[in-house]
């Protein structure tokens, strides 16, 4: 079964991880409510800077920050597009305006991916 995945990498100030977790738990519950199959947020544990590129370099990680790697799984790209429209219109996420989230959204990156191999 082929699925669709949105992936995210975010620099989060370490002292705001609890605030980020609360926002992620709210957002995740809303994504799941609208039909996402999985919602996962992972905090860096064994992530080193590379010589050319790495997770820390990708978000221009600053002192006092950590990397959060996240993904959301959907049945299809079409389902993802429908769910995301509903999520973005949900008033419970009004606090996700770029100037009110507990991370620097300018250094966040994301994208949608078609599954290629599933075992």
PDB file of N, CA and C in Angstrom:
ATOM      1  N   UNK A   1       0.843  -1.177   0.000  1.00  0.00           N
ATOM      2  CA  UNK A   1       0.000   0.000   0.000  1.00  0.00           C
ATOM      3  C   UNK A   1       0.888   1.240   0.000  1.00  0.00           C
ATOM      4  N   UNK A   2       0.727   2.081  -0.975  1.00  0.00           N
ATOM      5  CA  UNK A   2       1.501   3.303  -1.082  1.00  0.00           C
ATOM      6  C   UNK A   2       0.838   4.399  -0.251  1.00  0.00           C
ATOM      7  N   UNK A   3       1.639   5.113   0.534  1.00  0.00           N
ATOM      8  CA  UNK A   3       1.106   6.195   1.367  1.00  0.00           C
ATOM      9  C   UNK A   3       1.862   7.482   1.036  1.00  0.00           C
ATOM     10  N   UNK A   4       1.450   8.566   1.650  1.00  0.00           N
ATOM     11  CA  UNK A   4       2.064   9.868   1.430  1.00  0.00           C
ATOM     12  C   UNK A   4       2.541  10.411   2.765  1.00  0.00           C
ATOM     13  N   UNK A   5       3.714  11.056   2.774  1.00  0.00           N
ATOM     14  CA  UNK A   5       4.319  11.521   4.024  1.00  0.00           C
ATOM     15  C   UNK A   5       4.740  12.982   3.894  1.00  0.00           C
ATOM     16  N   UNK A   6       4.362  13.795   4.874  1.00  0.00           N
ATOM     17  CA  UNK A   6       4.914  15.138   5.025  1.00  0.00           C
ATOM     18  C   UNK A   6       6.019  15.044   6.061  1.00  0.00           C
ATOM     19  N   UNK A   7       7.183  15.603   5.765  1.00  0.00           N
ATOM     20  CA  UNK A   7       8.299  15.601   6.700  1.00  0.00           C
ATOM     21  C   UNK A   7       8.704  17.019   7.055  1.00  0.00           C
ATOM     22  N   UNK A   8       9.174  17.209   8.294  1.00  0.00           N
ATOM     23  CA  UNK A   8       9.533  18.533   8.806  1.00  0.00           C
ATOM     24  C   UNK A   8      10.819  18.449   9.617  1.00  0.00           C
ATOM     25  N   UNK A   9      11.649  19.476   9.528  1.00  0.00           N
ATOM     26  CA  UNK A   9      12.816  19.614  10.400  1.00  0.00           C
ATOM     27  C   UNK A   9      12.770  21.030  10.970  1.00  0.00           C
ATOM     28  N   UNK A  10      12.846  21.127  12.311  1.00  0.00           N
ATOM     29  CA  UNK A  10      12.614  22.393  13.008  1.00  0.00           C
ATOM     30  C   UNK A  10      13.687  22.629  14.065  1.00  0.00           C
ATOM     31  N   UNK A  11      14.275  23.843  14.134  1.00  0.00           N
ATOM     32  CA  UNK A  11      15.153  24.167  15.251  1.00  0.00           C
ATOM     33  C   UNK A  11      14.312  24.696  16.415  1.00  0.00           C
ATOM     34  N   UNK A  12      14.423  24.061  17.571  1.00  0.00           N
ATOM     35  CA  UNK A  12      13.618  24.458  18.728  1.00  0.00           C
ATOM     36  C   UNK A  12      14.541  24.830  19.886  1.00  0.00           C
ATOM     37  N   UNK A  13      14.358  25.997  20.491  1.00  0.00           N
ATOM     38  CA  UNK A  13      15.140  26.327  21.679  1.00  0.00           C
ATOM     39  C   UNK A  13      14.904  25.258  22.755  1.00  0.00           C
ATOM     40  N   UNK A  14      15.977  24.764  23.318  1.00  0.00           N
ATOM     41  CA  UNK A  14      15.878  23.699  24.317  1.00  0.00           C
ATOM     42  C   UNK A  14      14.987  24.104  25.484  1.00  0.00           C
ATOM     43  N   UNK A  15      15.046  25.370  25.870  1.00  0.00           N
ATOM     44  CA  UNK A  15      14.225  25.811  27.000  1.00  0.00           C
ATOM     45  C   UNK A  15      12.753  25.995  26.624  1.00  0.00           C
ATOM     46  N   UNK A  16      12.404  25.771  25.347  1.00  0.00           N
ATOM     47  CA  UNK A  16      11.010  25.866  24.921  1.00  0.00           C
ATOM     48  C   UNK A  16      10.465  24.509  24.456  1.00  0.00           C
ATOM     49  N   UNK A  17      11.191  23.435  24.770  1.00  0.00           N
ATOM     50  CA  UNK A  17      10.730  22.113  24.341  1.00  0.00           C
ATOM     51  C   UNK A  17       9.375  21.741  24.945  1.00  0.00           C
ATOM     52  N   UNK A  18       9.117  22.095  26.187  1.00  0.00           N
ATOM     53  CA  UNK A  18       7.821  21.778  26.792  1.00  0.00           C
ATOM     54  C   UNK A  18       6.693  22.525  26.075  1.00  0.00           C
ATOM     55  N   UNK A  19       6.944  23.782  25.748  1.00  0.00           N
ATOM     56  CA  UNK A  19       5.958  24.576  25.017  1.00  0.00           C
ATOM     57  C   UNK A  19       5.749  23.990  23.614  1.00  0.00           C
ATOM     58  N   UNK A  20       6.854  23.592  22.966  1.00  0.00           N
ATOM     59  CA  UNK A  20       6.759  22.972  21.641  1.00  0.00           C
ATOM     60  C   UNK A  20       5.973  21.659  21.724  1.00  0.00           C
ATOM     61  N   UNK A  21       6.265  20.839  22.741  1.00  0.00           N
ATOM     62  CA  UNK A  21       5.557  19.560  22.901  1.00  0.00           C
ATOM     63  C   UNK A  21       4.045  19.787  23.031  1.00  0.00           C
ATOM     64  N   UNK A  22       3.649  20.768  23.824  1.00  0.00           N
ATOM     65  CA  UNK A  22       2.216  21.057  24.001  1.00  0.00           C
ATOM     66  C   UNK A  22       1.576  21.437  22.665  1.00  0.00           C
ATOM     67  N   UNK A  23       2.258  22.269  21.893  1.00  0.00           N
ATOM     68  CA  UNK A  23       1.749  22.657  20.587  1.00  0.00           C
ATOM     69  C   UNK A  23       1.691  21.445  19.652  1.00  0.00           C
ATOM     70  N   UNK A  24       2.721  20.610  19.678  1.00  0.00           N
ATOM     71  CA  UNK A  24       2.762  19.416  18.825  1.00  0.00           C
ATOM     72  C   UNK A  24       1.658  18.430  19.202  1.00  0.00           C
ATOM     73  N   UNK A  25       1.412  18.268  20.490  1.00  0.00           N
ATOM     74  CA  UNK A  25       0.343  17.353  20.921  1.00  0.00           C
ATOM     75  C   UNK A  25      -1.021  17.854  20.452  1.00  0.00           C
ATOM     76  N   UNK A  26      -1.247  19.155  20.543  1.00  0.00           N
ATOM     77  CA  UNK A  26      -2.498  19.724  20.047  1.00  0.00           C
ATOM     78  C   UNK A  26      -2.596  19.544  18.536  1.00  0.00           C
ATOM     79  N   UNK A  27      -1.562  19.951  17.826  1.00  0.00           N
ATOM     80  CA  UNK A  27      -1.572  19.850  16.362  1.00  0.00           C
ATOM     81  C   UNK A  27      -1.746  18.401  15.920  1.00  0.00           C
ATOM     82  N   UNK A  28      -1.013  17.499  16.544  1.00  0.00           N
ATOM     83  CA  UNK A  28      -1.101  16.088  16.179  1.00  0.00           C
ATOM     84  C   UNK A  28      -2.497  15.527  16.383  1.00  0.00           C
ATOM     85  N   UNK A  29      -3.129  15.899  17.485  1.00  0.00           N
ATOM     86  CA  UNK A  29      -4.484  15.397  17.727  1.00  0.00           C
ATOM     87  C   UNK A  29      -5.449  15.921  16.669  1.00  0.00           C
ATOM     88  N   UNK A  30      -5.236  17.133  16.207  1.00  0.00           N
ATOM     89  CA  UNK A  30      -6.103  17.707  15.177  1.00  0.00           C
ATOM     90  C   UNK A  30      -5.855  17.023  13.836  1.00  0.00           C
ATOM     91  N   UNK A  31      -4.587  16.819  13.473  1.00  0.00           N
ATOM     92  CA  UNK A  31      -4.277  16.118  12.224  1.00  0.00           C
ATOM     93  C   UNK A  31      -4.911  14.725  12.233  1.00  0.00           C
ATOM     94  N   UNK A  32      -4.783  14.016  13.360  1.00  0.00           N
ATOM     95  CA  UNK A  32      -5.355  12.672  13.457  1.00  0.00           C
ATOM     96  C   UNK A  32      -6.888  12.724  13.404  1.00  0.00           C
ATOM     97  N   UNK A  33      -7.473  13.714  14.051  1.00  0.00           N
ATOM     98  CA  UNK A  33      -8.930  13.877  14.029  1.00  0.00           C
ATOM     99  C   UNK A  33      -9.439  14.006  12.592  1.00  0.00           C
ATOM    100  N   UNK A  34      -8.686  14.705  11.753  1.00  0.00           N
ATOM    101  CA  UNK A  34      -9.098  14.913  10.364  1.00  0.00           C
ATOM    102  C   UNK A  34      -8.679  13.775   9.433  1.00  0.00           C
ATOM    103  N   UNK A  35      -7.973  12.763   9.954  1.00  0.00           N
ATOM    104  CA  UNK A  35      -7.715  11.580   9.130  1.00  0.00           C
ATOM    105  C   UNK A  35      -6.279  11.182   8.902  1.00  0.00           C
ATOM    106  N   UNK A  36      -5.314  11.921   9.424  1.00  0.00           N
ATOM    107  CA  UNK A  36      -3.915  11.488   9.270  1.00  0.00           C
ATOM    108  C   UNK A  36      -3.743  10.130   9.941  1.00  0.00           C
ATOM    109  N   UNK A  37      -2.941   9.267   9.344  1.00  0.00           N
ATOM    110  CA  UNK A  37      -2.724   7.923   9.880  1.00  0.00           C
ATOM    111  C   UNK A  37      -1.724   7.926  11.027  1.00  0.00           C
ATOM    112  N   UNK A  38      -0.688   8.756  10.920  1.00  0.00           N
ATOM    113  CA  UNK A  38       0.343   8.855  11.963  1.00  0.00           C
ATOM    114  C   UNK A  38       0.785  10.304  12.086  1.00  0.00           C
ATOM    115  N   UNK A  39       1.192  10.683  13.286  1.00  0.00           N
ATOM    116  CA  UNK A  39       1.770  12.000  13.552  1.00  0.00           C
ATOM    117  C   UNK A  39       2.891  11.759  14.549  1.00  0.00           C
ATOM    118  N   UNK A  40       4.129  12.042  14.158  1.00  0.00           N
ATOM    119  CA  UNK A  40       5.286  11.721  14.996  1.00  0.00           C
ATOM    120  C   UNK A  40       6.209  12.928  15.095  1.00  0.00           C
ATOM    121  N   UNK A  41       6.663  13.225  16.311  1.00  0.00           N
ATOM    122  CA  UNK A  41       7.640  14.293  16.570  1.00  0.00           C
ATOM    123  C   UNK A  41       8.806  13.656  17.325  1.00  0.00           C
ATOM    124  N   UNK A  42      10.026  13.858  16.826  1.00  0.00           N
ATOM    125  CA  UNK A  42      11.217  13.268  17.441  1.00  0.00           C
ATOM    126  C   UNK A  42      12.230  14.367  17.743  1.00  0.00           C
ATOM    127  N   UNK A  43      12.816  14.328  18.933  1.00  0.00           N
ATOM    128  CA  UNK A  43      13.832  15.304  19.313  1.00  0.00           C
ATOM    129  C   UNK A  43      15.212  14.672  19.133  1.00  0.00           C
ATOM    130  N   UNK A  44      16.170  15.461  18.664  1.00  0.00           N
ATOM    131  CA  UNK A  44      17.515  14.960  18.385  1.00  0.00           C
ATOM    132  C   UNK A  44      18.127  14.310  19.620  1.00  0.00           C
ATOM    133  N   UNK A  45      18.765  13.184  19.405  1.00  0.00           N
ATOM    134  CA  UNK A  45      19.421  12.450  20.478  1.00  0.00           C
ATOM    135  C   UNK A  45      20.862  12.122  20.096  1.00  0.00           C
ATOM    136  N   UNK A  46      21.086  11.735  18.858  1.00  0.00           N
ATOM    137  CA  UNK A  46      22.416  11.384  18.358  1.00  0.00           C
ATOM    138  C   UNK A  46      22.580  12.027  16.993  1.00  0.00           C
ATOM    139  N   UNK A  47      22.719  13.353  16.977  1.00  0.00           N
ATOM    140  CA  UNK A  47      22.778  14.119  15.741  1.00  0.00           C
ATOM    141  C   UNK A  47      24.051  14.974  15.771  1.00  0.00           C
ATOM    142  N   UNK A  48      24.944  14.712  14.863  1.00  0.00           N
ATOM    143  CA  UNK A  48      26.220  15.431  14.810  1.00  0.00           C
ATOM    144  C   UNK A  48      26.239  16.379  13.609  1.00  0.00           C
ATOM    145  N   UNK A  49      27.011  17.439  13.699  1.00  0.00           N
ATOM    146  CA  UNK A  49      27.241  18.304  12.543  1.00  0.00           C
ATOM    147  C   UNK A  49      28.139  17.563  11.569  1.00  0.00           C
ATOM    148  N   UNK A  50      27.851  17.715  10.301  1.00  0.00           N
ATOM    149  CA  UNK A  50      28.642  17.053   9.272  1.00  0.00           C
ATOM    150  C   UNK A  50      29.694  17.971   8.686  1.00  0.00           C
ATOM    151  N   UNK A  51      30.454  17.446   7.739  1.00  0.00           N
ATOM    152  CA  UNK A  51      31.449  18.265   7.045  1.00  0.00           C
ATOM    153  C   UNK A  51      30.808  19.072   5.932  1.00  0.00           C
ATOM    154  N   UNK A  52      29.774  18.527   5.314  1.00  0.00           N
ATOM    155  CA  UNK A  52      29.109  19.209   4.209  1.00  0.00           C
ATOM    156  C   UNK A  52      27.685  19.613   4.592  1.00  0.00           C
ATOM    157  N   UNK A  53      26.930  18.660   5.158  1.00  0.00           N
ATOM    158  CA  UNK A  53      25.561  18.956   5.569  1.00  0.00           C
ATOM    159  C   UNK A  53      25.143  18.008   6.683  1.00  0.00           C
ATOM    160  N   UNK A  54      24.104  18.366   7.388  1.00  0.00           N
ATOM    161  CA  UNK A  54      23.599  17.563   8.501  1.00  0.00           C
ATOM    162  C   UNK A  54      22.296  18.185   8.975  1.00  0.00           C
ATOM    163  N   UNK A  55      21.622  17.516   9.898  1.00  0.00           N
ATOM    164  CA  UNK A  55      20.411  18.104  10.477  1.00  0.00           C
ATOM    165  C   UNK A  55      20.722  19.450  11.140  1.00  0.00           C
ATOM    166  N   UNK A  56      21.746  19.554  12.003  1.00  0.00           N
ATOM    167  CA  UNK A  56      22.026  20.865  12.611  1.00  0.00           C
ATOM    168  C   UNK A  56      22.332  21.951  11.572  1.00  0.00           C
ATOM    169  N   UNK A  57      23.107  21.598  10.561  1.00  0.00           N
ATOM    170  CA  UNK A  57      23.446  22.591   9.545  1.00  0.00           C
ATOM    171  C   UNK A  57      22.239  22.984   8.701  1.00  0.00           C
ATOM    172  N   UNK A  58      21.331  22.043   8.492  1.00  0.00           N
ATOM    173  CA  UNK A  58      20.181  22.309   7.625  1.00  0.00           C
ATOM    174  C   UNK A  58      19.279  23.405   8.175  1.00  0.00           C
ATOM    175  N   UNK A  59      19.246  23.565   9.497  1.00  0.00           N
ATOM    176  CA  UNK A  59      18.397  24.584  10.118  1.00  0.00           C
ATOM    177  C   UNK A  59      19.226  25.711  10.748  1.00  0.00           C
ATOM    178  N   UNK A  60      20.535  25.706  10.435  1.00  0.00           N
ATOM    179  CA  UNK A  60      21.440  26.712  11.019  1.00  0.00           C
ATOM    180  C   UNK A  60      21.286  26.740  12.535  1.00  0.00           C
ATOM    181  N   UNK A  61      21.398  25.543  13.124  1.00  0.00           N
ATOM    182  CA  UNK A  61      21.190  25.374  14.557  1.00  0.00           C
ATOM    183  C   UNK A  61      22.077  26.324  15.355  1.00  0.00           C
ATOM    184  N   UNK A  62      21.487  26.981  16.325  1.00  0.00           N
ATOM    185  CA  UNK A  62      22.204  27.924  17.179  1.00  0.00           C
ATOM    186  C   UNK A  62      22.385  27.325  18.562  1.00  0.00           C
ATOM    187  N   UNK A  63      23.299  27.897  19.329  1.00  0.00           N
ATOM    188  CA  UNK A  63      23.530  27.430  20.694  1.00  0.00           C
ATOM    189  C   UNK A  63      22.225  27.512  21.486  1.00  0.00           C
ATOM    190  N   UNK A  64      21.954  26.479  22.267  1.00  0.00           N
ATOM    191  CA  UNK A  64      20.735  26.453  23.066  1.00  0.00           C
ATOM    192  C   UNK A  64      19.529  25.920  22.318  1.00  0.00           C
ATOM    193  N   UNK A  65      19.738  25.391  21.123  1.00  0.00           N
ATOM    194  CA  UNK A  65      18.647  24.823  20.339  1.00  0.00           C
ATOM    195  C   UNK A  65      18.894  23.341  20.093  1.00  0.00           C
ATOM    196  N   UNK A  66      17.832  22.646  19.745  1.00  0.00           N
ATOM    197  CA  UNK A  66      17.929  21.254  19.342  1.00  0.00           C
ATOM    198  C   UNK A  66      17.082  21.068  18.088  1.00  0.00           C
ATOM    199  N   UNK A  67      17.325  19.975  17.375  1.00  0.00           N
ATOM    200  CA  UNK A  67      16.584  19.681  16.153  1.00  0.00           C
ATOM    201  C   UNK A  67      15.404  18.769  16.477  1.00  0.00           C
ATOM    202  N   UNK A  68      14.255  19.096  15.901  1.00  0.00           N
ATOM    203  CA  UNK A  68      13.092  18.220  15.975  1.00  0.00           C
ATOM    204  C   UNK A  68      12.777  17.768  14.546  1.00  0.00           C
ATOM    205  N   UNK A  69      12.631  16.465  14.392  1.00  0.00           N
ATOM    206  CA  UNK A  69      12.338  15.843  13.105  1.00  0.00           C
ATOM    207  C   UNK A  69      10.948  15.225  13.222  1.00  0.00           C
ATOM    208  N   UNK A  70      10.060  15.554  12.300  1.00  0.00           N
ATOM    209  CA  UNK A  70       8.654  15.156  12.420  1.00  0.00           C
ATOM    210  C   UNK A  70       8.130  14.641  11.093  1.00  0.00           C
ATOM    211  N   UNK A  71       7.080  13.817  11.196  1.00  0.00           N
ATOM    212  CA  UNK A  71       6.401  13.407   9.973  1.00  0.00           C
ATOM    213  C   UNK A  71       4.943  13.101  10.256  1.00  0.00           C
ATOM    214  N   UNK A  72       4.160  13.236   9.193  1.00  0.00           N
ATOM    215  CA  UNK A  72       2.732  12.920   9.228  1.00  0.00           C
ATOM    216  C   UNK A  72       2.472  11.980   8.052  1.00  0.00           C
ATOM    217  N   UNK A  73       1.756  10.892   8.296  1.00  0.00           N
ATOM    218  CA  UNK A  73       1.479   9.899   7.258  1.00  0.00           C
ATOM    219  C   UNK A  73       0.004   9.956   6.873  1.00  0.00           C
ATOM    220  N   UNK A  74      -0.233   9.883   5.565  1.00  0.00           N
ATOM    221  CA  UNK A  74      -1.581   9.922   5.001  1.00  0.00           C
ATOM    222  C   UNK A  74      -1.769   8.746   4.053  1.00  0.00           C
ATOM    223  N   UNK A  75      -3.015   8.467   3.707  1.00  0.00           N
ATOM    224  CA  UNK A  75      -3.303   7.414   2.730  1.00  0.00           C
ATOM    225  C   UNK A  75      -2.831   7.800   1.336  1.00  0.00           C
ATOM    226  N   UNK A  76      -2.902   9.105   1.001  1.00  0.00           N
ATOM    227  CA  UNK A  76      -2.565   9.561  -0.348  1.00  0.00           C
ATOM    228  C   UNK A  76      -2.268  11.056  -0.341  1.00  0.00           C
ATOM    229  N   UNK A  77      -1.731  11.544  -1.431  1.00  0.00           N
ATOM    230  CA  UNK A  77      -1.493  12.983  -1.590  1.00  0.00           C
ATOM    231  C   UNK A  77      -2.825  13.733  -1.563  1.00  0.00           C
ATOM    232  N   UNK A  78      -3.837  13.169  -2.204  1.00  0.00           N
ATOM    233  CA  UNK A  78      -5.152  13.808  -2.235  1.00  0.00           C
ATOM    234  C   UNK A  78      -5.729  13.930  -0.823  1.00  0.00           C
ATOM    235  N   UNK A  79      -5.601  12.859  -0.043  1.00  0.00           N
ATOM    236  CA  UNK A  79      -6.093  12.895   1.331  1.00  0.00           C
ATOM    237  C   UNK A  79      -5.313  13.940   2.135  1.00  0.00           C
ATOM    238  N   UNK A  80      -4.011  13.985   1.935  1.00  0.00           N
ATOM    239  CA  UNK A  80      -3.176  14.972   2.639  1.00  0.00           C
ATOM    240  C   UNK A  80      -3.630  16.384   2.329  1.00  0.00           C
ATOM    241  N   UNK A  81      -3.882  16.672   1.050  1.00  0.00           N
ATOM    242  CA  UNK A  81      -4.306  18.017   0.672  1.00  0.00           C
ATOM    243  C   UNK A  81      -5.632  18.384   1.329  1.00  0.00           C
ATOM    244  N   UNK A  82      -6.573  17.444   1.380  1.00  0.00           N
ATOM    245  CA  UNK A  82      -7.870  17.688   2.023  1.00  0.00           C
ATOM    246  C   UNK A  82      -7.712  17.908   3.526  1.00  0.00           C
ATOM    247  N   UNK A  83      -6.927  17.054   4.161  1.00  0.00           N
ATOM    248  CA  UNK A  83      -6.712  17.164   5.607  1.00  0.00           C
ATOM    249  C   UNK A  83      -6.026  18.479   5.950  1.00  0.00           C
ATOM    250  N   UNK A  84      -4.990  18.845   5.205  1.00  0.00           N
ATOM    251  CA  UNK A  84      -4.262  20.074   5.504  1.00  0.00           C
ATOM    252  C   UNK A  84      -5.140  21.315   5.371  1.00  0.00           C
ATOM    253  N   UNK A  85      -6.061  21.329   4.414  1.00  0.00           N
ATOM    254  CA  UNK A  85      -6.988  22.459   4.302  1.00  0.00           C
ATOM    255  C   UNK A  85      -7.824  22.588   5.574  1.00  0.00           C
ATOM    256  N   UNK A  86      -8.312  21.455   6.066  1.00  0.00           N
ATOM    257  CA  UNK A  86      -9.123  21.462   7.290  1.00  0.00           C
ATOM    258  C   UNK A  86      -8.300  21.891   8.500  1.00  0.00           C
ATOM    259  N   UNK A  87      -7.079  21.361   8.597  1.00  0.00           N
ATOM    260  CA  UNK A  87      -6.215  21.688   9.731  1.00  0.00           C
ATOM    261  C   UNK A  87      -5.889  23.176   9.730  1.00  0.00           C
ATOM    262  N   UNK A  88      -5.512  23.709   8.588  1.00  0.00           N
ATOM    263  CA  UNK A  88      -5.124  25.121   8.516  1.00  0.00           C
ATOM    264  C   UNK A  88      -6.296  26.058   8.818  1.00  0.00           C
ATOM    265  N   UNK A  89      -7.514  25.590   8.619  1.00  0.00           N
ATOM    266  CA  UNK A  89      -8.695  26.406   8.913  1.00  0.00           C
ATOM    267  C   UNK A  89      -9.208  26.196  10.333  1.00  0.00           C
ATOM    268  N   UNK A  90      -8.627  25.261  11.064  1.00  0.00           N
ATOM    269  CA  UNK A  90      -9.128  24.933  12.399  1.00  0.00           C
ATOM    270  C   UNK A  90      -8.767  26.038  13.391  1.00  0.00           C
ATOM    271  N   UNK A  91      -9.749  26.614  14.072  1.00  0.00           N
ATOM    272  CA  UNK A  91      -9.477  27.712  15.006  1.00  0.00           C
ATOM    273  C   UNK A  91      -8.637  27.307  16.215  1.00  0.00           C
ATOM    274  N   UNK A  92      -8.567  26.025  16.517  1.00  0.00           N
ATOM    275  CA  UNK A  92      -7.744  25.584  17.649  1.00  0.00           C
ATOM    276  C   UNK A  92      -6.258  25.801  17.392  1.00  0.00           C
ATOM    277  N   UNK A  93      -5.890  25.998  16.136  1.00  0.00           N
ATOM    278  CA  UNK A  93      -4.477  26.221  15.810  1.00  0.00           C
ATOM    279  C   UNK A  93      -4.186  27.685  15.499  1.00  0.00           C
ATOM    280  N   UNK A  94      -5.051  28.570  15.939  1.00  0.00           N
ATOM    281  CA  UNK A  94      -4.832  30.000  15.711  1.00  0.00           C
ATOM    282  C   UNK A  94      -3.518  30.459  16.331  1.00  0.00           C
ATOM    283  N   UNK A  95      -3.049  29.756  17.348  1.00  0.00           N
ATOM    284  CA  UNK A  95      -1.796  30.111  18.006  1.00  0.00           C
ATOM    285  C   UNK A  95      -0.563  29.692  17.246  1.00  0.00           C
ATOM    286  N   UNK A  96      -0.722  29.184  16.028  1.00  0.00           N
ATOM    287  CA  UNK A  96       0.429  28.766  15.234  1.00  0.00           C
ATOM    288  C   UNK A  96       0.887  29.846  14.266  1.00  0.00           C
ATOM    289  N   UNK A  97       0.496  31.087  14.504  1.00  0.00           N
ATOM    290  CA  UNK A  97       0.984  32.181  13.676  1.00  0.00           C
ATOM    291  C   UNK A  97       2.496  32.247  13.805  1.00  0.00           C
ATOM    292  N   UNK A  98       3.204  32.568  12.714  1.00  0.00           N
ATOM    293  CA  UNK A  98       4.672  32.534  12.737  1.00  0.00           C
ATOM    294  C   UNK A  98       5.332  33.285  13.892  1.00  0.00           C
ATOM    295  N   UNK A  99       4.712  34.354  14.362  1.00  0.00           N
ATOM    296  CA  UNK A  99       5.335  35.127  15.437  1.00  0.00           C
ATOM    297  C   UNK A  99       4.977  34.603  16.831  1.00  0.00           C
ATOM    298  N   UNK A 100       4.172  33.537  16.910  1.00  0.00           N
ATOM    299  CA  UNK A 100       3.774  33.050  18.234  1.00  0.00           C
ATOM    300  C   UNK A 100       4.172  31.602  18.506  1.00  0.00           C
ATOM    301  N   UNK A 101       4.866  30.953  17.586  1.00  0.00           N
ATOM    302  CA  UNK A 101       5.284  29.572  17.812  1.00  0.00           C
ATOM    303  C   UNK A 101       6.629  29.549  18.553  1.00  0.00           C
ATOM    304  N   UNK A 102       6.898  28.478  19.301  1.00  0.00           N
ATOM    305  CA  UNK A 102       8.124  28.433  20.114  1.00  0.00           C
ATOM    306  C   UNK A 102       9.355  27.960  19.342  1.00  0.00           C
ATOM    307  N   UNK A 103       9.505  28.419  18.102  1.00  0.00           N
ATOM    308  CA  UNK A 103      10.673  28.088  17.286  1.00  0.00           C
ATOM    309  C   UNK A 103      10.771  29.113  16.166  1.00  0.00           C
ATOM    310  N   UNK A 104      11.911  29.114  15.470  1.00  0.00           N
ATOM    311  CA  UNK A 104      12.126  30.047  14.372  1.00  0.00           C
ATOM    312  C   UNK A 104      11.636  29.391  13.081  1.00  0.00           C
ATOM    313  N   UNK A 105      10.425  29.732  12.672  1.00  0.00           N
ATOM    314  CA  UNK A 105       9.825  29.137  11.484  1.00  0.00           C
ATOM    315  C   UNK A 105      10.564  29.441  10.198  1.00  0.00           C
ATOM    316  N   UNK A 106      11.388  30.477  10.191  1.00  0.00           N
ATOM    317  CA  UNK A 106      12.154  30.804   8.985  1.00  0.00           C
ATOM    318  C   UNK A 106      13.235  29.766   8.709  1.00  0.00           C
ATOM    319  N   UNK A 107      13.642  29.031   9.757  1.00  0.00           N
ATOM    320  CA  UNK A 107      14.679  28.016   9.578  1.00  0.00           C
ATOM    321  C   UNK A 107      14.112  26.597   9.534  1.00  0.00           C
ATOM    322  N   UNK A 108      12.801  26.491   9.593  1.00  0.00           N
ATOM    323  CA  UNK A 108      12.122  25.200   9.466  1.00  0.00           C
ATOM    324  C   UNK A 108      12.051  24.846   7.983  1.00  0.00           C
ATOM    325  N   UNK A 109      12.133  23.548   7.676  1.00  0.00           N
ATOM    326  CA  UNK A 109      11.855  23.148   6.301  1.00  0.00           C
ATOM    327  C   UNK A 109      11.001  21.900   6.293  1.00  0.00           C
ATOM    328  N   UNK A 110      10.289  21.704   5.189  1.00  0.00           N
ATOM    329  CA  UNK A 110       9.326  20.611   5.098  1.00  0.00           C
ATOM    330  C   UNK A 110       9.110  20.251   3.647  1.00  0.00           C
ATOM    331  N   UNK A 111       8.437  19.148   3.437  1.00  0.00           N
ATOM    332  CA  UNK A 111       8.085  18.727   2.088  1.00  0.00           C
ATOM    333  C   UNK A 111       7.195  17.507   2.123  1.00  0.00           C
ATOM    334  N   UNK A 112       6.539  17.242   1.000  1.00  0.00           N
ATOM    335  CA  UNK A 112       5.684  16.077   0.850  1.00  0.00           C
ATOM    336  C   UNK A 112       6.399  15.024   0.018  1.00  0.00           C
ATOM    337  N   UNK A 113       6.222  13.764   0.404  1.00  0.00           N
ATOM    338  CA  UNK A 113       6.949  12.662  -0.227  1.00  0.00           C
ATOM    339  C   UNK A 113       6.030  11.497  -0.551  1.00  0.00           C
ATOM    340  N   UNK A 114       6.167  10.960  -1.775  1.00  0.00           N
ATOM    341  CA  UNK A 114       5.503   9.718  -2.132  1.00  0.00           C
ATOM    342  C   UNK A 114       6.353   8.586  -1.587  1.00  0.00           C
ATOM    343  N   UNK A 115       5.719   7.565  -1.017  1.00  0.00           N
ATOM    344  CA  UNK A 115       6.505   6.433  -0.533  1.00  0.00           C
ATOM    345  C   UNK A 115       7.127   5.724  -1.728  1.00  0.00           C
ATOM    346  N   UNK A 116       8.336   5.242  -1.504  1.00  0.00           N
ATOM    347  CA  UNK A 116       9.134   4.594  -2.543  1.00  0.00           C
ATOM    348  C   UNK A 116       9.379   3.136  -2.191  1.00  0.00           C
ATOM    349  N   UNK A 117       9.665   2.892  -0.909  1.00  0.00           N
ATOM    350  CA  UNK A 117       9.856   1.536  -0.394  1.00  0.00           C
ATOM    351  C   UNK A 117       9.146   1.460   0.948  1.00  0.00           C
ATOM    352  N   UNK A 118       8.328   0.451   1.145  1.00  0.00           N
ATOM    353  CA  UNK A 118       7.691   0.184   2.435  1.00  0.00           C
ATOM    354  C   UNK A 118       7.847  -1.296   2.727  1.00  0.00           C
ATOM    355  N   UNK A 119       8.430  -1.612   3.862  1.00  0.00           N
ATOM    356  CA  UNK A 119       8.637  -3.016   4.241  1.00  0.00           C
ATOM    357  C   UNK A 119       7.858  -3.338   5.485  1.00  0.00           C
TER     358      UNK A 119
END
